[in-house]
Amino acid sequence: METKTYIVDRIDGDYAWLTCTSRQEEPYFIARALLPMEADEGSRLKFENLQFELL
Protein backbone atom coordinates (compact mmCIF):
# COMPACT_ATOMS: atom_id res chain seq x y z
CA MET A 1 0.00 0.00 0.00
CA GLU A 2 1.05 3.55 -0.67
CA THR A 3 2.04 5.80 2.24
CA LYS A 4 0.35 9.20 2.34
CA THR A 5 0.80 12.18 4.64
CA TYR A 6 -2.00 14.47 5.79
CA ILE A 7 -2.47 17.64 7.81
CA VAL A 8 -5.50 18.03 10.09
CA ASP A 9 -7.06 21.25 8.78
CA ARG A 10 -10.16 21.46 10.93
CA ILE A 11 -11.87 19.50 13.65
CA ASP A 12 -15.64 19.65 13.54
CA GLY A 13 -17.11 17.74 16.50
CA ASP A 14 -16.50 14.02 16.00
CA TYR A 15 -15.05 14.52 12.52
CA ALA A 16 -11.88 16.00 11.05
CA TRP A 17 -10.97 17.49 7.67
CA LEU A 18 -7.62 16.26 6.34
CA THR A 19 -5.55 17.61 3.46
CA CYS A 20 -3.14 15.28 1.69
CA THR A 21 0.38 16.72 1.44
CA SER A 22 1.88 13.88 -0.61
CA ARG A 23 -0.39 14.40 -3.65
CA GLN A 24 -3.03 16.75 -5.01
CA GLU A 25 -6.39 15.54 -3.67
CA GLU A 26 -9.64 16.97 -2.37
CA PRO A 27 -9.89 17.46 1.44
CA TYR A 28 -10.76 14.23 3.22
CA PHE A 29 -13.56 14.04 5.85
CA ILE A 30 -13.01 11.31 8.48
CA ALA A 31 -14.28 10.26 11.91
CA ARG A 32 -11.92 11.35 14.72
CA ALA A 33 -12.19 7.86 16.24
CA LEU A 34 -9.95 6.63 13.38
CA LEU A 35 -7.21 9.16 14.20
CA PRO A 36 -4.66 9.02 17.03
CA MET A 37 -5.99 10.48 20.30
CA GLU A 38 -3.31 13.22 20.28
CA ALA A 39 -4.27 14.51 16.81
CA ASP A 40 -5.36 18.14 16.80
CA GLU A 41 -5.71 20.93 14.23
CA GLY A 42 -2.37 21.38 12.47
CA SER A 43 -1.13 17.85 13.29
CA ARG A 44 0.74 15.92 10.60
CA LEU A 45 -0.35 12.32 10.06
CA LYS A 46 1.03 9.36 8.13
CA PHE A 47 -1.46 6.90 6.63
CA GLU A 48 -0.01 3.46 6.03
CA ASN A 49 -1.47 -0.06 6.24
CA LEU A 50 -4.96 1.38 6.88
CA GLN A 51 -3.79 3.21 10.05
CA PHE A 52 -3.03 6.82 10.88
CA GLU A 53 0.13 7.65 12.84
CA LEU A 54 1.10 11.02 14.29
CA LEU A 55 4.33 12.46 12.86
C-alpha atoms as a PDB file:
ATOM      1  CA  MET A   1       0.000   0.000   0.000  1.00  0.00           C
ATOM      2  CA  GLU A   2       1.052   3.547  -0.669  1.00  0.00           C
ATOM      3  CA  THR A   3       2.039   5.795   2.242  1.00  0.00           C
ATOM      4  CA  LYS A   4       0.347   9.205   2.339  1.00  0.00           C
ATOM      5  CA  THR A   5       0.795  12.181   4.639  1.00  0.00           C
ATOM      6  CA  TYR A   6      -1.997  14.468   5.792  1.00  0.00           C
ATOM      7  CA  ILE A   7      -2.469  17.639   7.814  1.00  0.00           C
ATOM      8  CA  VAL A   8      -5.497  18.034  10.085  1.00  0.00           C
ATOM      9  CA  ASP A   9      -7.055  21.248   8.784  1.00  0.00           C
ATOM     10  CA  ARG A  10     -10.157  21.461  10.933  1.00  0.00           C
ATOM     11  CA  ILE A  11     -11.866  19.498  13.654  1.00  0.00           C
ATOM     12  CA  ASP A  12     -15.644  19.645  13.540  1.00  0.00           C
ATOM     13  CA  GLY A  13     -17.107  17.735  16.499  1.00  0.00           C
ATOM     14  CA  ASP A  14     -16.497  14.019  16.004  1.00  0.00           C
ATOM     15  CA  TYR A  15     -15.046  14.518  12.523  1.00  0.00           C
ATOM     16  CA  ALA A  16     -11.878  15.999  11.048  1.00  0.00           C
ATOM     17  CA  TRP A  17     -10.968  17.488   7.672  1.00  0.00           C
ATOM     18  CA  LEU A  18      -7.625  16.259   6.340  1.00  0.00           C
ATOM     19  CA  THR A  19      -5.551  17.606   3.457  1.00  0.00           C
ATOM     20  CA  CYS A  20      -3.138  15.281   1.687  1.00  0.00           C
ATOM     21  CA  THR A  21       0.383  16.716   1.442  1.00  0.00           C
ATOM     22  CA  SER A  22       1.878  13.884  -0.614  1.00  0.00           C
ATOM     23  CA  ARG A  23      -0.393  14.398  -3.649  1.00  0.00           C
ATOM     24  CA  GLN A  24      -3.031  16.746  -5.012  1.00  0.00           C
ATOM     25  CA  GLU A  25      -6.392  15.544  -3.668  1.00  0.00           C
ATOM     26  CA  GLU A  26      -9.637  16.971  -2.368  1.00  0.00           C
ATOM     27  CA  PRO A  27      -9.890  17.460   1.436  1.00  0.00           C
ATOM     28  CA  TYR A  28     -10.755  14.225   3.224  1.00  0.00           C
ATOM     29  CA  PHE A  29     -13.556  14.038   5.853  1.00  0.00           C
ATOM     30  CA  ILE A  30     -13.012  11.313   8.480  1.00  0.00           C
ATOM     31  CA  ALA A  31     -14.281  10.259  11.914  1.00  0.00           C
ATOM     32  CA  ARG A  32     -11.921  11.351  14.715  1.00  0.00           C
ATOM     33  CA  ALA A  33     -12.192   7.858  16.241  1.00  0.00           C
ATOM     34  CA  LEU A  34      -9.950   6.629  13.380  1.00  0.00           C
ATOM     35  CA  LEU A  35      -7.212   9.158  14.205  1.00  0.00           C
ATOM     36  CA  PRO A  36      -4.657   9.022  17.030  1.00  0.00           C
ATOM     37  CA  MET A  37      -5.992  10.479  20.303  1.00  0.00           C
ATOM     38  CA  GLU A  38      -3.306  13.221  20.280  1.00  0.00           C
ATOM     39  CA  ALA A  39      -4.271  14.507  16.808  1.00  0.00           C
ATOM     40  CA  ASP A  40      -5.363  18.143  16.802  1.00  0.00           C
ATOM     41  CA  GLU A  41      -5.706  20.929  14.229  1.00  0.00           C
ATOM     42  CA  GLY A  42      -2.365  21.381  12.473  1.00  0.00           C
ATOM     43  CA  SER A  43      -1.127  17.853  13.287  1.00  0.00           C
ATOM     44  CA  ARG A  44       0.741  15.921  10.600  1.00  0.00           C
ATOM     45  CA  LEU A  45      -0.355  12.318  10.063  1.00  0.00           C
ATOM     46  CA  LYS A  46       1.028   9.363   8.134  1.00  0.00           C
ATOM     47  CA  PHE A  47      -1.461   6.900   6.633  1.00  0.00           C
ATOM     48  CA  GLU A  48      -0.007   3.457   6.028  1.00  0.00           C
ATOM     49  CA  ASN A  49      -1.471  -0.063   6.240  1.00  0.00           C
ATOM     50  CA  LEU A  50      -4.956   1.383   6.878  1.00  0.00           C
ATOM     51  CA  GLN A  51      -3.789   3.214  10.049  1.00  0.00           C
ATOM     52  CA  PHE A  52      -3.026   6.822  10.877  1.00  0.00           C
ATOM     53  CA  GLU A  53       0.134   7.646  12.839  1.00  0.00           C
ATOM     54  CA  LEU A  54       1.104  11.023  14.294  1.00  0.00           C
ATOM     55  CA  LEU A  55       4.334  12.457  12.862  1.00  0.00           C
END
